[in-house]
């Protein structure tokens, strides 16, 4: 079993809460370090085990991530928890390796236009960064997973349509560069379920046993339908943000991630045992409201509550179990 399969077993559903990284990209106020610790502890108590914890970016420009090392330490002290942090260059990669984070995330844009605006580099340069990060990891005592997130994989708000062949070529390039995990991002919420299913099906033929993730935004209201389509195609790593926080500052009209609480409910409704207590999860929103007053939090489950018929029967076969062990 590979290192990636140890963290993300093929028969286990991993739901990653990305509020502390993607969710903080475009906010005017952000939590204190203590607030982040309480956020993580409360989500962990609710059963969440996978977290995106921040970015290694210049603190002067991105003060919301200045305490990323402290947040990584917090996740590291939670038994069975797995944290991922984003890096954009060699300096960030070296800092991430020193921090002991469990996963180093890199981003490759599916279009040249977004790549230049987002990171001021070409797509090939972004793949070269992944290769560099993997070399640094291999030479380091600490050997975290390295993941490649393909932004704008289903359509770009700058360039428009994205050819499936371009995305598949990028997947191959990222895997050849040494990435352990590839994730497909619908950065601006362009996709529908059929497009999700088609690209996921083709991508899984390339990734083989390596984990394939899907990162969805709900810009046009199809986020959960797209998540359902991804699950039906065998994806077992999905991202969401508590309260629907998030967006991309370099993608016009990008809005928040799919609501994490609603994503958990969707998975439970499809017969998966997520191991997450939804009522406890919804209660974590109070910490965000306290730490980030005025920030809009959305979500159907938070508004309507769980139905009387909940919990749902477990219908997923044993070979596709989604239980996350405590």
C-alpha atoms as a PDB file:
ATOM      1  CA  UNK A   1       0.000   0.000   0.000  1.00  0.00           C
ATOM      2  CA  UNK A   2       1.348   3.437  -0.944  1.00  0.00           C
ATOM      3  CA  UNK A   3       1.651   6.325   1.499  1.00  0.00           C
ATOM      4  CA  UNK A   4      -1.333   8.001  -0.160  1.00  0.00           C
ATOM      5  CA  UNK A   5      -3.446   4.852   0.146  1.00  0.00           C
ATOM      6  CA  UNK A   6      -2.581   4.668   3.847  1.00  0.00           C
ATOM      7  CA  UNK A   7      -4.087   8.131   4.399  1.00  0.00           C
ATOM      8  CA  UNK A   8      -6.826   7.768   1.782  1.00  0.00           C
ATOM      9  CA  UNK A   9      -7.698   4.048   1.531  1.00  0.00           C
ATOM     10  CA  UNK A  10      -9.541   3.233  -1.703  1.00  0.00           C
ATOM     11  CA  UNK A  11     -12.573   1.901   0.203  1.00  0.00           C
ATOM     12  CA  UNK A  12     -12.886   4.839   2.589  1.00  0.00           C
ATOM     13  CA  UNK A  13     -14.650   8.152   2.029  1.00  0.00           C
ATOM     14  CA  UNK A  14     -12.590  11.187   3.044  1.00  0.00           C
ATOM     15  CA  UNK A  15     -14.426  14.490   3.407  1.00  0.00           C
ATOM     16  CA  UNK A  16     -11.998  17.383   3.748  1.00  0.00           C
ATOM     17  CA  UNK A  17     -13.040  20.671   5.360  1.00  0.00           C
ATOM     18  CA  UNK A  18     -11.176  23.496   3.615  1.00  0.00           C
ATOM     19  CA  UNK A  19     -12.498  26.513   5.502  1.00  0.00           C
ATOM     20  CA  UNK A  20      -9.174  27.463   7.069  1.00  0.00           C
ATOM     21  CA  UNK A  21      -7.484  27.818   3.679  1.00  0.00           C
ATOM     22  CA  UNK A  22      -9.833  28.199   0.722  1.00  0.00           C
ATOM     23  CA  UNK A  23     -12.493  29.602   3.016  1.00  0.00           C
ATOM     24  CA  UNK A  24     -10.256  32.463   4.168  1.00  0.00           C
ATOM     25  CA  UNK A  25      -8.967  33.638   0.788  1.00  0.00           C
ATOM     26  CA  UNK A  26     -11.464  36.458   0.314  1.00  0.00           C
ATOM     27  CA  UNK A  27     -12.682  37.409   3.791  1.00  0.00           C
ATOM     28  CA  UNK A  28     -12.255  40.813   5.396  1.00  0.00           C
ATOM     29  CA  UNK A  29     -11.978  39.346   8.883  1.00  0.00           C
ATOM     30  CA  UNK A  30     -10.389  36.067   9.839  1.00  0.00           C
ATOM     31  CA  UNK A  31     -10.166  34.004  13.015  1.00  0.00           C
ATOM     32  CA  UNK A  32      -7.545  34.435  15.675  1.00  0.00           C
ATOM     33  CA  UNK A  33      -5.143  31.556  16.189  1.00  0.00           C
ATOM     34  CA  UNK A  34      -7.122  30.522  19.245  1.00  0.00           C
ATOM     35  CA  UNK A  35     -10.310  30.718  17.186  1.00  0.00           C
ATOM     36  CA  UNK A  36      -8.788  28.419  14.576  1.00  0.00           C
ATOM     37  CA  UNK A  37      -7.799  25.972  17.281  1.00  0.00           C
ATOM     38  CA  UNK A  38     -11.347  25.946  18.635  1.00  0.00           C
ATOM     39  CA  UNK A  39     -12.710  25.545  15.099  1.00  0.00           C
ATOM     40  CA  UNK A  40     -10.489  22.506  14.489  1.00  0.00           C
ATOM     41  CA  UNK A  41     -11.144  20.946  17.884  1.00  0.00           C
ATOM     42  CA  UNK A  42     -14.907  21.269  17.481  1.00  0.00           C
ATOM     43  CA  UNK A  43     -14.881  19.791  13.984  1.00  0.00           C
ATOM     44  CA  UNK A  44     -12.647  16.961  15.156  1.00  0.00           C
ATOM     45  CA  UNK A  45     -15.056  16.235  18.013  1.00  0.00           C
ATOM     46  CA  UNK A  46     -17.843  16.081  15.423  1.00  0.00           C
ATOM     47  CA  UNK A  47     -15.904  13.389  13.527  1.00  0.00           C
ATOM     48  CA  UNK A  48     -14.017  15.349  10.849  1.00  0.00           C
ATOM     49  CA  UNK A  49     -10.537  13.974  10.200  1.00  0.00           C
ATOM     50  CA  UNK A  50      -9.322  15.785   7.070  1.00  0.00           C
ATOM     51  CA  UNK A  51      -8.504  19.498   7.045  1.00  0.00           C
ATOM     52  CA  UNK A  52      -6.973  22.076   4.740  1.00  0.00           C
ATOM     53  CA  UNK A  53      -5.207  24.289   7.232  1.00  0.00           C
ATOM     54  CA  UNK A  54      -3.684  27.237   5.366  1.00  0.00           C
ATOM     55  CA  UNK A  55      -1.070  28.406   2.877  1.00  0.00           C
ATOM     56  CA  UNK A  56       2.632  29.156   3.058  1.00  0.00           C
ATOM     57  CA  UNK A  57       2.409  32.646   1.604  1.00  0.00           C
ATOM     58  CA  UNK A  58       4.006  35.993   2.580  1.00  0.00           C
ATOM     59  CA  UNK A  59       2.428  36.990   5.883  1.00  0.00           C
ATOM     60  CA  UNK A  60       2.484  40.681   4.915  1.00  0.00           C
ATOM     61  CA  UNK A  61       0.151  40.063   1.983  1.00  0.00           C
ATOM     62  CA  UNK A  62      -1.809  37.187   3.481  1.00  0.00           C
ATOM     63  CA  UNK A  63      -2.058  37.763   7.238  1.00  0.00           C
ATOM     64  CA  UNK A  64      -4.873  35.215   7.533  1.00  0.00           C
ATOM     65  CA  UNK A  65      -2.230  32.491   7.041  1.00  0.00           C
ATOM     66  CA  UNK A  66       0.553  33.956   9.178  1.00  0.00           C
ATOM     67  CA  UNK A  67      -0.110  31.342  11.891  1.00  0.00           C
ATOM     68  CA  UNK A  68      -0.171  28.328   9.561  1.00  0.00           C
ATOM     69  CA  UNK A  69       2.551  26.536  11.541  1.00  0.00           C
ATOM     70  CA  UNK A  70       0.548  26.827  14.758  1.00  0.00           C
ATOM     71  CA  UNK A  71      -2.525  25.481  12.993  1.00  0.00           C
ATOM     72  CA  UNK A  72      -0.513  22.559  11.613  1.00  0.00           C
ATOM     73  CA  UNK A  73       0.692  21.791  15.137  1.00  0.00           C
ATOM     74  CA  UNK A  74      -2.913  21.779  16.320  1.00  0.00           C
ATOM     75  CA  UNK A  75      -3.929  19.223  13.686  1.00  0.00           C
ATOM     76  CA  UNK A  76      -0.834  17.151  14.403  1.00  0.00           C
ATOM     77  CA  UNK A  77      -1.905  16.795  18.040  1.00  0.00           C
ATOM     78  CA  UNK A  78      -5.285  15.304  17.067  1.00  0.00           C
ATOM     79  CA  UNK A  79      -5.017  11.490  16.745  1.00  0.00           C
ATOM     80  CA  UNK A  80      -5.846  10.311  13.249  1.00  0.00           C
ATOM     81  CA  UNK A  81      -6.223  13.830  11.818  1.00  0.00           C
ATOM     82  CA  UNK A  82      -4.634  14.748   8.487  1.00  0.00           C
ATOM     83  CA  UNK A  83      -3.770  18.291   7.454  1.00  0.00           C
ATOM     84  CA  UNK A  84      -2.918  19.780   4.075  1.00  0.00           C
ATOM     85  CA  UNK A  85      -1.306  23.164   3.382  1.00  0.00           C
ATOM     86  CA  UNK A  86      -0.813  24.952   0.078  1.00  0.00           C
ATOM     87  CA  UNK A  87       2.561  26.029  -1.304  1.00  0.00           C
ATOM     88  CA  UNK A  88       3.384  28.018  -4.449  1.00  0.00           C
ATOM     89  CA  UNK A  89       7.187  27.853  -4.638  1.00  0.00           C
ATOM     90  CA  UNK A  90      10.411  26.407  -3.233  1.00  0.00           C
ATOM     91  CA  UNK A  91      10.439  28.734  -0.225  1.00  0.00           C
ATOM     92  CA  UNK A  92       6.939  27.670   0.746  1.00  0.00           C
ATOM     93  CA  UNK A  93       7.788  24.008   0.177  1.00  0.00           C
ATOM     94  CA  UNK A  94      10.810  24.170   2.468  1.00  0.00           C
ATOM     95  CA  UNK A  95       8.735  25.846   5.173  1.00  0.00           C
ATOM     96  CA  UNK A  96       6.019  23.196   4.774  1.00  0.00           C
ATOM     97  CA  UNK A  97       8.533  20.378   5.116  1.00  0.00           C
ATOM     98  CA  UNK A  98       9.906  21.961   8.289  1.00  0.00           C
ATOM     99  CA  UNK A  99       6.386  22.294   9.693  1.00  0.00           C
ATOM    100  CA  UNK A 100       5.653  18.565   9.596  1.00  0.00           C
ATOM    101  CA  UNK A 101       2.365  18.996   7.718  1.00  0.00           C
ATOM    102  CA  UNK A 102       0.901  15.740   6.436  1.00  0.00           C
ATOM    103  CA  UNK A 103       0.257  16.905   2.876  1.00  0.00           C
ATOM    104  CA  UNK A 104       1.722  19.628   0.686  1.00  0.00           C
ATOM    105  CA  UNK A 105      -0.710  20.939  -1.899  1.00  0.00           C
ATOM    106  CA  UNK A 106       0.257  22.517  -5.222  1.00  0.00           C
ATOM    107  CA  UNK A 107      -2.030  24.136  -7.800  1.00  0.00           C
ATOM    108  CA  UNK A 108      -1.893  23.833 -11.581  1.00  0.00           C
ATOM    109  CA  UNK A 109      -4.353  25.802 -13.669  1.00  0.00           C
ATOM    110  CA  UNK A 110      -6.056  24.069 -16.580  1.00  0.00           C
ATOM    111  CA  UNK A 111      -5.695  27.216 -18.720  1.00  0.00           C
ATOM    112  CA  UNK A 112      -2.726  29.438 -19.432  1.00  0.00           C
ATOM    113  CA  UNK A 113      -4.865  32.525 -18.852  1.00  0.00           C
ATOM    114  CA  UNK A 114      -5.789  31.594 -15.291  1.00  0.00           C
ATOM    115  CA  UNK A 115      -2.300  30.307 -14.545  1.00  0.00           C
ATOM    116  CA  UNK A 116      -0.786  33.663 -15.423  1.00  0.00           C
ATOM    117  CA  UNK A 117      -3.346  35.633 -13.447  1.00  0.00           C
ATOM    118  CA  UNK A 118      -3.326  33.319 -10.433  1.00  0.00           C
ATOM    119  CA  UNK A 119       0.396  32.597 -10.106  1.00  0.00           C
ATOM    120  CA  UNK A 120       2.147  34.555 -12.879  1.00  0.00           C
ATOM    121  CA  UNK A 121       3.556  31.385 -14.375  1.00  0.00           C
ATOM    122  CA  UNK A 122       2.786  28.998 -17.201  1.00  0.00           C
ATOM    123  CA  UNK A 123       1.116  25.653 -16.710  1.00  0.00           C
ATOM    124  CA  UNK A 124       4.423  23.902 -17.391  1.00  0.00           C
ATOM    125  CA  UNK A 125       6.146  26.074 -14.789  1.00  0.00           C
ATOM    126  CA  UNK A 126       3.467  25.021 -12.299  1.00  0.00           C
ATOM    127  CA  UNK A 127       4.120  21.349 -13.060  1.00  0.00           C
ATOM    128  CA  UNK A 128       7.843  22.032 -12.617  1.00  0.00           C
ATOM    129  CA  UNK A 129       7.067  23.361  -9.125  1.00  0.00           C
ATOM    130  CA  UNK A 130       5.403  20.033  -8.277  1.00  0.00           C
ATOM    131  CA  UNK A 131       8.495  18.180  -9.458  1.00  0.00           C
ATOM    132  CA  UNK A 132      10.686  20.474  -7.353  1.00  0.00           C
ATOM    133  CA  UNK A 133       8.492  19.985  -4.280  1.00  0.00           C
ATOM    134  CA  UNK A 134       8.694  16.214  -4.730  1.00  0.00           C
ATOM    135  CA  UNK A 135      12.486  16.340  -4.996  1.00  0.00           C
ATOM    136  CA  UNK A 136      12.712  18.406  -1.830  1.00  0.00           C
ATOM    137  CA  UNK A 137      10.345  15.998  -0.077  1.00  0.00           C
ATOM    138  CA  UNK A 138      12.356  12.962  -1.169  1.00  0.00           C
ATOM    139  CA  UNK A 139      15.539  14.551   0.203  1.00  0.00           C
ATOM    140  CA  UNK A 140      13.876  15.487   3.489  1.00  0.00           C
ATOM    141  CA  UNK A 141      13.497  13.473   6.678  1.00  0.00           C
ATOM    142  CA  UNK A 142       9.811  14.409   6.684  1.00  0.00           C
ATOM    143  CA  UNK A 143       7.966  12.895   3.746  1.00  0.00           C
ATOM    144  CA  UNK A 144       4.454  14.305   3.416  1.00  0.00           C
ATOM    145  CA  UNK A 145       2.120  13.500   0.581  1.00  0.00           C
ATOM    146  CA  UNK A 146       2.276  15.867  -2.381  1.00  0.00           C
ATOM    147  CA  UNK A 147      -1.002  16.665  -4.087  1.00  0.00           C
ATOM    148  CA  UNK A 148      -1.770  18.494  -7.311  1.00  0.00           C
ATOM    149  CA  UNK A 149      -5.012  20.427  -7.570  1.00  0.00           C
ATOM    150  CA  UNK A 150      -6.052  21.242 -11.127  1.00  0.00           C
ATOM    151  CA  UNK A 151      -7.941  24.530 -11.006  1.00  0.00           C
ATOM    152  CA  UNK A 152     -10.518  25.428 -13.687  1.00  0.00           C
ATOM    153  CA  UNK A 153     -10.662  21.765 -14.726  1.00  0.00           C
ATOM    154  CA  UNK A 154     -14.290  22.041 -15.859  1.00  0.00           C
ATOM    155  CA  UNK A 155     -14.285  25.532 -17.362  1.00  0.00           C
ATOM    156  CA  UNK A 156     -12.495  28.837 -16.903  1.00  0.00           C
ATOM    157  CA  UNK A 157     -14.026  32.230 -16.180  1.00  0.00           C
ATOM    158  CA  UNK A 158     -11.254  33.848 -18.193  1.00  0.00           C
ATOM    159  CA  UNK A 159     -10.697  31.490 -21.136  1.00  0.00           C
ATOM    160  CA  UNK A 160     -14.101  29.790 -21.273  1.00  0.00           C
ATOM    161  CA  UNK A 161     -14.270  26.130 -22.277  1.00  0.00           C
ATOM    162  CA  UNK A 162     -11.507  23.775 -21.209  1.00  0.00           C
ATOM    163  CA  UNK A 163     -10.721  20.781 -23.397  1.00  0.00           C
ATOM    164  CA  UNK A 164     -10.902  17.470 -21.549  1.00  0.00           C
ATOM    165  CA  UNK A 165      -7.700  16.386 -23.285  1.00  0.00           C
ATOM    166  CA  UNK A 166      -5.838  19.343 -21.782  1.00  0.00           C
ATOM    167  CA  UNK A 167      -6.900  18.332 -18.289  1.00  0.00           C
ATOM    168  CA  UNK A 168      -5.960  14.693 -18.846  1.00  0.00           C
ATOM    169  CA  UNK A 169      -2.534  15.739 -20.136  1.00  0.00           C
ATOM    170  CA  UNK A 170      -2.029  17.836 -17.011  1.00  0.00           C
ATOM    171  CA  UNK A 171      -2.981  14.873 -14.825  1.00  0.00           C
ATOM    172  CA  UNK A 172      -0.364  12.742 -16.566  1.00  0.00           C
ATOM    173  CA  UNK A 173       2.235  15.503 -16.184  1.00  0.00           C
ATOM    174  CA  UNK A 174       1.480  15.932 -12.470  1.00  0.00           C
ATOM    175  CA  UNK A 175       1.753  12.195 -11.826  1.00  0.00           C
ATOM    176  CA  UNK A 176       5.009  12.005 -13.787  1.00  0.00           C
ATOM    177  CA  UNK A 177       6.305  14.911 -11.691  1.00  0.00           C
ATOM    178  CA  UNK A 178       5.735  12.785  -8.590  1.00  0.00           C
ATOM    179  CA  UNK A 179       2.350  13.864  -7.225  1.00  0.00           C
ATOM    180  CA  UNK A 180       0.720  11.287  -4.953  1.00  0.00           C
ATOM    181  CA  UNK A 181      -2.787  12.686  -5.375  1.00  0.00           C
ATOM    182  CA  UNK A 182      -4.585  14.630  -8.082  1.00  0.00           C
ATOM    183  CA  UNK A 183      -7.727  16.665  -7.442  1.00  0.00           C
ATOM    184  CA  UNK A 184     -10.043  18.163 -10.069  1.00  0.00           C
ATOM    185  CA  UNK A 185     -11.312  21.642  -9.229  1.00  0.00           C
ATOM    186  CA  UNK A 186     -14.500  23.257 -10.515  1.00  0.00           C
ATOM    187  CA  UNK A 187     -13.116  26.599  -9.401  1.00  0.00           C
ATOM    188  CA  UNK A 188     -15.971  28.740 -10.703  1.00  0.00           C
ATOM    189  CA  UNK A 189     -18.849  26.256 -10.589  1.00  0.00           C
ATOM    190  CA  UNK A 190     -19.243  25.762 -14.347  1.00  0.00           C
ATOM    191  CA  UNK A 191     -19.803  22.009 -14.401  1.00  0.00           C
ATOM    192  CA  UNK A 192     -22.920  19.875 -14.362  1.00  0.00           C
ATOM    193  CA  UNK A 193     -23.210  16.241 -13.258  1.00  0.00           C
ATOM    194  CA  UNK A 194     -22.639  14.739 -16.713  1.00  0.00           C
ATOM    195  CA  UNK A 195     -19.434  16.715 -17.223  1.00  0.00           C
ATOM    196  CA  UNK A 196     -18.225  15.755 -13.750  1.00  0.00           C
ATOM    197  CA  UNK A 197     -18.931  12.078 -14.418  1.00  0.00           C
ATOM    198  CA  UNK A 198     -17.217  12.102 -17.797  1.00  0.00           C
ATOM    199  CA  UNK A 199     -14.001  13.769 -16.685  1.00  0.00           C
ATOM    200  CA  UNK A 200     -13.810  11.754 -13.473  1.00  0.00           C
ATOM    201  CA  UNK A 201     -14.228   8.520 -15.424  1.00  0.00           C
ATOM    202  CA  UNK A 202     -11.416   9.452 -17.801  1.00  0.00           C
ATOM    203  CA  UNK A 203      -9.186  10.700 -14.983  1.00  0.00           C
ATOM    204  CA  UNK A 204      -9.567   7.503 -12.954  1.00  0.00           C
ATOM    205  CA  UNK A 205      -8.175   5.556 -15.892  1.00  0.00           C
ATOM    206  CA  UNK A 206      -4.993   7.604 -15.491  1.00  0.00           C
ATOM    207  CA  UNK A 207      -4.679   7.760 -11.713  1.00  0.00           C
ATOM    208  CA  UNK A 208      -5.187   3.997 -11.317  1.00  0.00           C
ATOM    209  CA  UNK A 209      -4.979   3.194  -7.586  1.00  0.00           C
ATOM    210  CA  UNK A 210      -3.848   6.679  -6.597  1.00  0.00           C
ATOM    211  CA  UNK A 211      -6.459   8.879  -4.917  1.00  0.00           C
ATOM    212  CA  UNK A 212      -8.489  11.206  -7.125  1.00  0.00           C
ATOM    213  CA  UNK A 213     -10.184  14.118  -5.400  1.00  0.00           C
ATOM    214  CA  UNK A 214     -12.854  16.555  -6.516  1.00  0.00           C
ATOM    215  CA  UNK A 215     -13.031  20.158  -5.281  1.00  0.00           C
ATOM    216  CA  UNK A 216     -16.341  21.849  -6.052  1.00  0.00           C
ATOM    217  CA  UNK A 217     -17.762  25.349  -5.849  1.00  0.00           C
ATOM    218  CA  UNK A 218     -21.478  26.069  -5.802  1.00  0.00           C
ATOM    219  CA  UNK A 219     -21.438  29.223  -7.930  1.00  0.00           C
ATOM    220  CA  UNK A 220     -24.365  28.086 -10.080  1.00  0.00           C
ATOM    221  CA  UNK A 221     -26.169  25.861  -7.606  1.00  0.00           C
ATOM    222  CA  UNK A 222     -25.026  22.472  -8.912  1.00  0.00           C
ATOM    223  CA  UNK A 223     -22.327  21.755  -6.351  1.00  0.00           C
ATOM    224  CA  UNK A 224     -24.088  18.951  -4.485  1.00  0.00           C
ATOM    225  CA  UNK A 225     -25.446  17.404  -7.691  1.00  0.00           C
ATOM    226  CA  UNK A 226     -21.871  17.377  -8.960  1.00  0.00           C
ATOM    227  CA  UNK A 227     -20.623  15.827  -5.725  1.00  0.00           C
ATOM    228  CA  UNK A 228     -23.227  13.101  -6.083  1.00  0.00           C
ATOM    229  CA  UNK A 229     -22.064  12.405  -9.641  1.00  0.00           C
ATOM    230  CA  UNK A 230     -18.451  12.193  -8.470  1.00  0.00           C
ATOM    231  CA  UNK A 231     -19.389   9.728  -5.735  1.00  0.00           C
ATOM    232  CA  UNK A 232     -21.252   7.597  -8.259  1.00  0.00           C
ATOM    233  CA  UNK A 233     -18.084   7.443 -10.350  1.00  0.00           C
ATOM    234  CA  UNK A 234     -16.028   6.199  -7.400  1.00  0.00           C
ATOM    235  CA  UNK A 235     -14.463   9.412  -6.098  1.00  0.00           C
ATOM    236  CA  UNK A 236     -13.765   9.047  -2.380  1.00  0.00           C
ATOM    237  CA  UNK A 237     -12.059  12.362  -1.622  1.00  0.00           C
ATOM    238  CA  UNK A 238     -14.290  15.452  -1.638  1.00  0.00           C
ATOM    239  CA  UNK A 239     -13.760  18.986  -0.345  1.00  0.00           C
ATOM    240  CA  UNK A 240     -16.205  21.433   1.197  1.00  0.00           C
ATOM    241  CA  UNK A 241     -16.128  24.452   3.478  1.00  0.00           C
ATOM    242  CA  UNK A 242     -18.150  25.026   6.610  1.00  0.00           C
ATOM    243  CA  UNK A 243     -20.897  27.526   5.873  1.00  0.00           C
ATOM    244  CA  UNK A 244     -19.957  27.650   2.182  1.00  0.00           C
ATOM    245  CA  UNK A 245     -16.949  29.906   2.771  1.00  0.00           C
ATOM    246  CA  UNK A 246     -14.433  30.521   0.023  1.00  0.00           C
ATOM    247  CA  UNK A 247     -13.735  31.666  -3.496  1.00  0.00           C
ATOM    248  CA  UNK A 248     -10.799  32.550  -5.730  1.00  0.00           C
ATOM    249  CA  UNK A 249      -9.535  36.149  -5.800  1.00  0.00           C
ATOM    250  CA  UNK A 250      -8.085  35.607  -9.285  1.00  0.00           C
ATOM    251  CA  UNK A 251     -11.205  34.064 -10.831  1.00  0.00           C
ATOM    252  CA  UNK A 252     -13.957  36.534 -11.775  1.00  0.00           C
ATOM    253  CA  UNK A 253     -17.361  35.717 -10.229  1.00  0.00           C
ATOM    254  CA  UNK A 254     -15.984  32.836  -8.171  1.00  0.00           C
ATOM    255  CA  UNK A 255     -18.022  32.205  -5.041  1.00  0.00           C
ATOM    256  CA  UNK A 256     -17.844  29.790  -2.169  1.00  0.00           C
ATOM    257  CA  UNK A 257     -17.194  26.090  -1.844  1.00  0.00           C
ATOM    258  CA  UNK A 258     -19.975  23.573  -1.477  1.00  0.00           C
ATOM    259  CA  UNK A 259     -21.314  23.705   2.062  1.00  0.00           C
ATOM    260  CA  UNK A 260     -19.487  21.067   4.081  1.00  0.00           C
ATOM    261  CA  UNK A 261     -22.442  20.287   6.340  1.00  0.00           C
ATOM    262  CA  UNK A 262     -24.686  19.751   3.314  1.00  0.00           C
ATOM    263  CA  UNK A 263     -22.017  17.577   1.674  1.00  0.00           C
ATOM    264  CA  UNK A 264     -21.944  15.322   4.734  1.00  0.00           C
ATOM    265  CA  UNK A 265     -25.728  15.073   4.600  1.00  0.00           C
ATOM    266  CA  UNK A 266     -25.598  14.179   0.895  1.00  0.00           C
ATOM    267  CA  UNK A 267     -23.125  11.376   1.566  1.00  0.00           C
ATOM    268  CA  UNK A 268     -25.235  10.024   4.413  1.00  0.00           C
ATOM    269  CA  UNK A 269     -28.323  10.152   2.160  1.00  0.00           C
ATOM    270  CA  UNK A 270     -26.454   8.008  -0.375  1.00  0.00           C
ATOM    271  CA  UNK A 271     -25.815   5.325   2.239  1.00  0.00           C
ATOM    272  CA  UNK A 272     -22.313   6.275   3.372  1.00  0.00           C
ATOM    273  CA  UNK A 273     -21.400   6.248   7.046  1.00  0.00           C
ATOM    274  CA  UNK A 274     -19.266   9.388   7.228  1.00  0.00           C
ATOM    275  CA  UNK A 275     -18.526   9.081  10.928  1.00  0.00           C
ATOM    276  CA  UNK A 276     -19.512  12.762  11.292  1.00  0.00           C
ATOM    277  CA  UNK A 277     -22.218  14.027  13.642  1.00  0.00           C
ATOM    278  CA  UNK A 278     -24.041  16.632  11.557  1.00  0.00           C
ATOM    279  CA  UNK A 279     -25.672  18.413  14.501  1.00  0.00           C
ATOM    280  CA  UNK A 280     -22.283  18.832  16.160  1.00  0.00           C
ATOM    281  CA  UNK A 281     -20.823  19.994  12.868  1.00  0.00           C
ATOM    282  CA  UNK A 282     -23.494  22.656  12.375  1.00  0.00           C
ATOM    283  CA  UNK A 283     -22.794  23.916  15.898  1.00  0.00           C
ATOM    284  CA  UNK A 284     -19.217  24.761  14.849  1.00  0.00           C
ATOM    285  CA  UNK A 285     -20.664  27.618  12.796  1.00  0.00           C
ATOM    286  CA  UNK A 286     -21.092  29.538  16.048  1.00  0.00           C
ATOM    287  CA  UNK A 287     -17.306  29.748  16.359  1.00  0.00           C
ATOM    288  CA  UNK A 288     -17.038  31.217  12.860  1.00  0.00           C
ATOM    289  CA  UNK A 289     -19.816  33.702  13.592  1.00  0.00           C
ATOM    290  CA  UNK A 290     -17.982  34.782  16.728  1.00  0.00           C
ATOM    291  CA  UNK A 291     -14.558  35.015  15.086  1.00  0.00           C
ATOM    292  CA  UNK A 292     -15.716  36.475  11.764  1.00  0.00           C
ATOM    293  CA  UNK A 293     -18.696  38.726  12.540  1.00  0.00           C
ATOM    294  CA  UNK A 294     -20.622  39.800   9.469  1.00  0.00           C
ATOM    295  CA  UNK A 295     -19.366  36.961   7.297  1.00  0.00           C
ATOM    296  CA  UNK A 296     -22.206  35.278   5.406  1.00  0.00           C
ATOM    297  CA  UNK A 297     -22.674  31.617   6.227  1.00  0.00           C
ATOM    298  CA  UNK A 298     -25.021  29.613   4.027  1.00  0.00           C
ATOM    299  CA  UNK A 299     -26.326  26.059   4.164  1.00  0.00           C
ATOM    300  CA  UNK A 300     -29.578  24.140   3.823  1.00  0.00           C
ATOM    301  CA  UNK A 301     -29.055  21.826   6.789  1.00  0.00           C
ATOM    302  CA  UNK A 302     -28.156  24.705   9.097  1.00  0.00           C
ATOM    303  CA  UNK A 303     -31.372  26.448   8.048  1.00  0.00           C
ATOM    304  CA  UNK A 304     -33.814  23.531   7.881  1.00  0.00           C
ATOM    305  CA  UNK A 305     -32.288  20.960  10.244  1.00  0.00           C
ATOM    306  CA  UNK A 306     -32.158  17.205   9.845  1.00  0.00           C
ATOM    307  CA  UNK A 307     -35.359  15.376   8.863  1.00  0.00           C
ATOM    308  CA  UNK A 308     -37.191  13.092  11.253  1.00  0.00           C
ATOM    309  CA  UNK A 309     -36.201  10.153   9.039  1.00  0.00           C
ATOM    310  CA  UNK A 310     -32.511  10.721   9.827  1.00  0.00           C
ATOM    311  CA  UNK A 311     -30.248   8.757  10.197  1.00  0.00           C
ATOM    312  CA  UNK A 312     -30.569   7.002   6.862  1.00  0.00           C
ATOM    313  CA  UNK A 313     -29.938   3.275   6.284  1.00  0.00           C
ATOM    314  CA  UNK A 314     -26.370   2.316   5.378  1.00  0.00           C
ATOM    315  CA  UNK A 315     -26.545   0.936   1.858  1.00  0.00           C
ATOM    316  CA  UNK A 316     -22.968   1.198   0.585  1.00  0.00           C
ATOM    317  CA  UNK A 317     -21.366  -2.217   0.225  1.00  0.00           C
ATOM    318  CA  UNK A 318     -18.586  -3.251   2.585  1.00  0.00           C
ATOM    319  CA  UNK A 319     -16.029  -2.879  -0.195  1.00  0.00           C
ATOM    320  CA  UNK A 320     -17.012   0.778  -0.556  1.00  0.00           C
ATOM    321  CA  UNK A 321     -17.260   1.611   3.134  1.00  0.00           C
ATOM    322  CA  UNK A 322     -17.057   5.288   4.037  1.00  0.00           C
ATOM    323  CA  UNK A 323     -16.600   4.956   7.784  1.00  0.00           C
ATOM    324  CA  UNK A 324     -13.864   7.146   9.208  1.00  0.00           C
ATOM    325  CA  UNK A 325     -12.397   5.527  12.283  1.00  0.00           C
ATOM    326  CA  UNK A 326     -12.106   7.682  15.396  1.00  0.00           C
END
